[in-house]
PDB file of N, CA and C in Angstrom:
ATOM      1  N   PRO A   1     -19.395  -9.426  15.007  1.00  0.00           N
ATOM      2  CA  PRO A   1     -20.446  -8.388  15.399  1.00  0.00           C
ATOM      3  C   PRO A   1     -20.437  -7.152  15.789  1.00  0.00           C
ATOM      4  N   TRP A   2     -19.288  -7.167  16.697  1.00  0.00           N
ATOM      5  CA  TRP A   2     -19.248  -6.068  17.522  1.00  0.00           C
ATOM      6  C   TRP A   2     -18.324  -5.663  16.858  1.00  0.00           C
ATOM      7  N   ALA A   3     -17.176  -5.864  15.949  1.00  0.00           N
ATOM      8  CA  ALA A   3     -15.895  -5.144  15.459  1.00  0.00           C
ATOM      9  C   ALA A   3     -16.211  -4.445  14.388  1.00  0.00           C
ATOM     10  N   LEU A   4     -16.540  -3.446  14.377  1.00  0.00           N
ATOM     11  CA  LEU A   4     -16.371  -2.084  13.093  1.00  0.00           C
ATOM     12  C   LEU A   4     -15.852  -1.954  12.589  1.00  0.00           C
ATOM     13  N   GLY A   5     -14.525  -2.077  12.497  1.00  0.00           N
ATOM     14  CA  GLY A   5     -13.218  -2.082  12.029  1.00  0.00           C
ATOM     15  C   GLY A   5     -12.274  -1.123  12.649  1.00  0.00           C
ATOM     16  N   ALA A   6     -11.082  -1.207  12.444  1.00  0.00           N
ATOM     17  CA  ALA A   6     -10.039  -0.652  13.068  1.00  0.00           C
ATOM     18  C   ALA A   6      -9.220   0.341  12.401  1.00  0.00           C
ATOM     19  N   HIS A   7      -8.491   0.777  12.877  1.00  0.00           N
ATOM     20  CA  HIS A   7      -7.044   2.121  12.325  1.00  0.00           C
ATOM     21  C   HIS A   7      -5.801   2.011  12.879  1.00  0.00           C
ATOM     22  N   SER A   8      -5.041   2.014  12.548  1.00  0.00           N
ATOM     23  CA  SER A   8      -3.880   1.311  13.013  1.00  0.00           C
ATOM     24  C   SER A   8      -3.193   2.804  12.591  1.00  0.00           C
ATOM     25  N   ILE A   9      -2.077   3.077  13.403  1.00  0.00           N
ATOM     26  CA  ILE A   9      -0.914   4.079  13.039  1.00  0.00           C
ATOM     27  C   ILE A   9       0.057   3.737  13.606  1.00  0.00           C
ATOM     28  N   GLY A  10       1.331   3.871  12.621  1.00  0.00           N
ATOM     29  CA  GLY A  10       3.083   3.275  12.977  1.00  0.00           C
ATOM     30  C   GLY A  10       3.560   4.411  14.019  1.00  0.00           C
ATOM     31  N   THR A  11       4.376   4.116  14.676  1.00  0.00           N
ATOM     32  CA  THR A  11       5.521   4.795  15.390  1.00  0.00           C
ATOM     33  C   THR A  11       6.196   6.145  14.101  1.00  0.00           C
ATOM     34  N   ARG A  12       7.118   7.407  14.803  1.00  0.00           N
ATOM     35  CA  ARG A  12       7.105   8.285  14.137  1.00  0.00           C
ATOM     36  C   ARG A  12       8.629   7.313  12.872  1.00  0.00           C
ATOM     37  N   GLY A  13       8.222   7.382  11.715  1.00  0.00           N
ATOM     38  CA  GLY A  13       9.435   7.025  10.986  1.00  0.00           C
ATOM     39  C   GLY A  13       8.761   5.510  10.792  1.00  0.00           C
ATOM     40  N   GLN A  14       8.287   5.074  10.873  1.00  0.00           N
ATOM     41  CA  GLN A  14       7.979   3.164  10.502  1.00  0.00           C
ATOM     42  C   GLN A  14       7.440   3.108   9.438  1.00  0.00           C
ATOM     43  N   MET A  15       6.551   3.899   8.785  1.00  0.00           N
ATOM     44  CA  MET A  15       5.988   3.715   7.121  1.00  0.00           C
ATOM     45  C   MET A  15       6.846   4.043   6.323  1.00  0.00           C
ATOM     46  N   THR A  16       7.764   4.933   7.046  1.00  0.00           N
ATOM     47  CA  THR A  16       9.112   5.400   5.791  1.00  0.00           C
ATOM     48  C   THR A  16      10.088   4.138   5.605  1.00  0.00           C
ATOM     49  N   ASP A  17      10.101   3.473   6.957  1.00  0.00           N
ATOM     50  CA  ASP A  17      11.016   2.259   6.856  1.00  0.00           C
ATOM     51  C   ASP A  17      10.785   1.669   6.230  1.00  0.00           C
ATOM     52  N   LEU A  18       9.076   0.665   6.257  1.00  0.00           N
ATOM     53  CA  LEU A  18       8.595  -0.035   5.934  1.00  0.00           C
ATOM     54  C   LEU A  18       7.698  -0.610   4.283  1.00  0.00           C
ATOM     55  N   MET A  19       7.596   0.719   4.411  1.00  0.00           N
ATOM     56  CA  MET A  19       7.099   1.176   2.857  1.00  0.00           C
ATOM     57  C   MET A  19       7.634  -0.120   1.765  1.00  0.00           C
ATOM     58  N   PRO A  20       9.068   0.084   1.562  1.00  0.00           N
ATOM     59  CA  PRO A  20       9.561  -0.612   0.850  1.00  0.00           C
ATOM     60  C   PRO A  20       9.402  -2.108   0.816  1.00  0.00           C
ATOM     61  N   HIS A  21       9.037  -2.086   1.791  1.00  0.00           N
ATOM     62  CA  HIS A  21       9.060  -4.073   1.870  1.00  0.00           C
ATOM     63  C   HIS A  21       7.025  -4.052   1.548  1.00  0.00           C
ATOM     64  N   LEU A  22       6.616  -2.978   1.924  1.00  0.00           N
ATOM     65  CA  LEU A  22       5.305  -3.210   1.972  1.00  0.00           C
ATOM     66  C   LEU A  22       5.073  -3.240  -0.048  1.00  0.00           C
ATOM     67  N   ILE A  23       5.262  -2.585  -0.348  1.00  0.00           N
ATOM     68  CA  ILE A  23       5.103  -2.336  -1.822  1.00  0.00           C
ATOM     69  C   ILE A  23       5.809  -3.239  -2.777  1.00  0.00           C
ATOM     70  N   ALA A  24       6.917  -4.099  -2.296  1.00  0.00           N
ATOM     71  CA  ALA A  24       7.825  -4.851  -3.194  1.00  0.00           C
ATOM     72  C   ALA A  24       6.723  -6.104  -3.682  1.00  0.00           C
ATOM     73  N   PRO A  25       7.366  -6.249  -5.033  1.00  0.00           N
ATOM     74  CA  PRO A  25       6.507  -7.550  -6.239  1.00  0.00           C
ATOM     75  C   PRO A  25       6.857  -8.732  -5.205  1.00  0.00           C
ATOM     76  N   GLU A  26       5.774  -9.608  -5.632  1.00  0.00           N
ATOM     77  CA  GLU A  26       6.446 -11.239  -5.039  1.00  0.00           C
ATOM     78  C   GLU A  26       6.600 -11.955  -6.020  1.00  0.00           C
ATOM     79  N   GLY A  27       7.389 -12.002  -6.857  1.00  0.00           N
ATOM     80  CA  GLY A  27       7.000 -12.828  -7.921  1.00  0.00           C
ATOM     81  C   GLY A  27       6.214 -12.071  -9.322  1.00  0.00           C
ATOM     82  N   ARG A  28       5.174 -12.544  -9.311  1.00  0.00           N
ATOM     83  CA  ARG A  28       4.515 -11.911 -10.259  1.00  0.00           C
ATOM     84  C   ARG A  28       2.697 -11.435  -9.319  1.00  0.00           C
ATOM     85  N   ILE A  29       2.844 -11.519  -8.445  1.00  0.00           N
ATOM     86  CA  ILE A  29       2.053 -10.602  -7.196  1.00  0.00           C
ATOM     87  C   ILE A  29       2.679  -9.463  -6.480  1.00  0.00           C
ATOM     88  N   HIS A  30       1.557  -8.494  -7.088  1.00  0.00           N
ATOM     89  CA  HIS A  30       1.737  -6.620  -7.026  1.00  0.00           C
ATOM     90  C   HIS A  30       1.204  -5.928  -5.718  1.00  0.00           C
ATOM     91  N   PHE A  31       1.200  -5.688  -5.112  1.00  0.00           N
ATOM     92  CA  PHE A  31       0.946  -5.717  -3.522  1.00  0.00           C
ATOM     93  C   PHE A  31       0.506  -3.743  -3.962  1.00  0.00           C
ATOM     94  N   ALA A  32      -1.125  -3.807  -3.688  1.00  0.00           N
ATOM     95  CA  ALA A  32      -1.827  -2.452  -3.978  1.00  0.00           C
ATOM     96  C   ALA A  32      -2.750  -1.892  -2.999  1.00  0.00           C
ATOM     97  N   GLY A  33      -3.130  -0.920  -2.684  1.00  0.00           N
ATOM     98  CA  GLY A  33      -4.440  -0.440  -1.247  1.00  0.00           C
ATOM     99  C   GLY A  33      -3.647   0.757  -0.847  1.00  0.00           C
ATOM    100  N   GLU A  34      -4.387   1.104   0.101  1.00  0.00           N
ATOM    101  CA  GLU A  34      -4.270   2.080   0.906  1.00  0.00           C
ATOM    102  C   GLU A  34      -3.294   2.038   1.853  1.00  0.00           C
ATOM    103  N   HIS A  35      -3.114   0.938   2.153  1.00  0.00           N
ATOM    104  CA  HIS A  35      -1.764   0.890   2.853  1.00  0.00           C
ATOM    105  C   HIS A  35      -1.148   0.999   2.647  1.00  0.00           C
ATOM    106  N   ALA A  36      -0.392   0.543   1.158  1.00  0.00           N
ATOM    107  CA  ALA A  36       0.630   0.336   0.738  1.00  0.00           C
ATOM    108  C   ALA A  36       0.743   1.868   0.032  1.00  0.00           C
ATOM    109  N   SER A  37       0.321   3.198   0.496  1.00  0.00           N
ATOM    110  CA  SER A  37       0.997   4.284   0.153  1.00  0.00           C
ATOM    111  C   SER A  37       0.912   5.430   1.330  1.00  0.00           C
ATOM    112  N   ALA A  38       1.429   6.361   1.008  1.00  0.00           N
ATOM    113  CA  ALA A  38       1.937   7.566   2.131  1.00  0.00           C
ATOM    114  C   ALA A  38       0.550   7.897   2.656  1.00  0.00           C
ATOM    115  N   TYR A  39      -0.784   7.906   1.655  1.00  0.00           N
ATOM    116  CA  TYR A  39      -1.816   8.387   1.966  1.00  0.00           C
ATOM    117  C   TYR A  39      -2.809   7.427   2.305  1.00  0.00           C
ATOM    118  N   HIS A  40      -1.997   6.063   3.778  1.00  0.00           N
ATOM    119  CA  HIS A  40      -2.442   5.383   4.198  1.00  0.00           C
ATOM    120  C   HIS A  40      -4.289   5.723   4.598  1.00  0.00           C
ATOM    121  N   GLY A  41      -5.529   4.927   4.544  1.00  0.00           N
ATOM    122  CA  GLY A  41      -6.415   5.077   5.710  1.00  0.00           C
ATOM    123  C   GLY A  41      -7.269   6.268   4.500  1.00  0.00           C
ATOM    124  N   TRP A  42      -7.017   6.274   3.024  1.00  0.00           N
ATOM    125  CA  TRP A  42      -7.774   7.982   2.247  1.00  0.00           C
ATOM    126  C   TRP A  42      -7.704   6.738   1.441  1.00  0.00           C
ATOM    127  N   ILE A  43      -9.345   7.515   0.271  1.00  0.00           N
ATOM    128  CA  ILE A  43      -9.336   6.805  -0.919  1.00  0.00           C
ATOM    129  C   ILE A  43      -8.340   7.153  -1.800  1.00  0.00           C
ATOM    130  N   GLN A  44      -7.005   8.177  -1.456  1.00  0.00           N
ATOM    131  CA  GLN A  44      -6.536   8.815  -2.391  1.00  0.00           C
ATOM    132  C   GLN A  44      -5.531   7.912  -2.146  1.00  0.00           C
ATOM    133  N   GLY A  45      -4.381   7.551  -1.413  1.00  0.00           N
ATOM    134  CA  GLY A  45      -4.031   6.364  -1.064  1.00  0.00           C
ATOM    135  C   GLY A  45      -4.537   5.250  -1.798  1.00  0.00           C
ATOM    136  N   ALA A  46      -5.577   4.514  -2.223  1.00  0.00           N
ATOM    137  CA  ALA A  46      -5.917   3.340  -2.395  1.00  0.00           C
ATOM    138  C   ALA A  46      -5.452   4.206  -4.435  1.00  0.00           C
ATOM    139  N   ILE A  47      -6.269   4.895  -4.531  1.00  0.00           N
ATOM    140  CA  ILE A  47      -5.784   5.070  -5.890  1.00  0.00           C
ATOM    141  C   ILE A  47      -4.239   5.798  -6.454  1.00  0.00           C
ATOM    142  N   GLU A  48      -3.617   6.130  -5.709  1.00  0.00           N
ATOM    143  CA  GLU A  48      -1.848   6.080  -5.863  1.00  0.00           C
ATOM    144  C   GLU A  48      -1.479   5.279  -5.834  1.00  0.00           C
ATOM    145  N   SER A  49      -1.950   4.098  -4.838  1.00  0.00           N
ATOM    146  CA  SER A  49      -1.199   2.996  -5.395  1.00  0.00           C
ATOM    147  C   SER A  49      -1.968   1.753  -6.087  1.00  0.00           C
ATOM    148  N   GLY A  50      -2.732   2.175  -6.597  1.00  0.00           N
ATOM    149  CA  GLY A  50      -3.031   1.019  -7.443  1.00  0.00           C
ATOM    150  C   GLY A  50      -2.482   1.739  -8.939  1.00  0.00           C
ATOM    151  N   ASN A  51      -2.272   2.695  -8.992  1.00  0.00           N
ATOM    152  CA  ASN A  51      -1.745   3.692 -10.336  1.00  0.00           C
ATOM    153  C   ASN A  51      -0.226   2.742 -10.614  1.00  0.00           C
ATOM    154  N   ARG A  52      -0.135   3.004  -9.387  1.00  0.00           N
ATOM    155  CA  ARG A  52       1.628   2.433  -9.052  1.00  0.00           C
ATOM    156  C   ARG A  52       1.993   0.956  -9.761  1.00  0.00           C
ATOM    157  N   ALA A  53       1.230   0.062  -8.807  1.00  0.00           N
ATOM    158  CA  ALA A  53       0.974  -0.824  -8.683  1.00  0.00           C
ATOM    159  C   ALA A  53       0.303  -1.321 -10.510  1.00  0.00           C
ATOM    160  N   ALA A  54      -0.075  -0.571 -11.528  1.00  0.00           N
ATOM    161  CA  ALA A  54      -0.297  -1.093 -12.582  1.00  0.00           C
ATOM    162  C   ALA A  54       0.623  -0.687 -13.712  1.00  0.00           C
ATOM    163  N   LYS A  55       0.825   0.322 -12.932  1.00  0.00           N
ATOM    164  CA  LYS A  55       2.519   0.672 -14.035  1.00  0.00           C
ATOM    165  C   LYS A  55       3.060  -0.282 -14.203  1.00  0.00           C
ATOM    166  N   GLU A  56       3.682  -1.436 -13.038  1.00  0.00           N
ATOM    167  CA  GLU A  56       4.993  -1.849 -12.422  1.00  0.00           C
ATOM    168  C   GLU A  56       4.392  -3.035 -13.584  1.00  0.00           C
ATOM    169  N   VAL A  57       3.192  -3.748 -13.273  1.00  0.00           N
ATOM    170  CA  VAL A  57       2.669  -4.687 -14.202  1.00  0.00           C
ATOM    171  C   VAL A  57       2.714  -4.390 -15.517  1.00  0.00           C
ATOM    172  N   ASN A  58       2.288  -3.224 -16.204  1.00  0.00           N
ATOM    173  CA  ASN A  58       2.981  -2.966 -17.707  1.00  0.00           C
ATOM    174  C   ASN A  58       3.630  -3.063 -17.920  1.00  0.00           C
ATOM    175  N   SER A  59       4.898  -2.520 -16.856  1.00  0.00           N
ATOM    176  CA  SER A  59       6.140  -2.404 -17.490  1.00  0.00           C
ATOM    177  C   SER A  59       6.834  -3.481 -17.778  1.00  0.00           C
ATOM    178  N   ILE A  60       6.533  -4.870 -17.223  1.00  0.00           N
ATOM    179  CA  ILE A  60       6.696  -5.963 -17.537  1.00  0.00           C
ATOM    180  C   ILE A  60       6.126  -6.851 -18.468  1.00  0.00           C
ATOM    181  N   THR A  61       5.108  -6.662 -18.983  1.00  0.00           N
ATOM    182  CA  THR A  61       4.371  -7.195 -20.242  1.00  0.00           C
ATOM    183  C   THR A  61       4.433  -6.516 -21.262  1.00  0.00           C
TER     184      THR A  61
END
């Protein structure tokens, strides 16, 4: 009840290095969300990431 959320920020270059691993599909599971975008922490990042994941899924079906 005392934790009202948290936010994290990586070190310089960390997101650039990790992003390919964060967004890589695991079999039929695709990842989307603000955390899987250059705009992490923002609704724009969630929308952009959702669009990317939807395109990935549509390209294989």
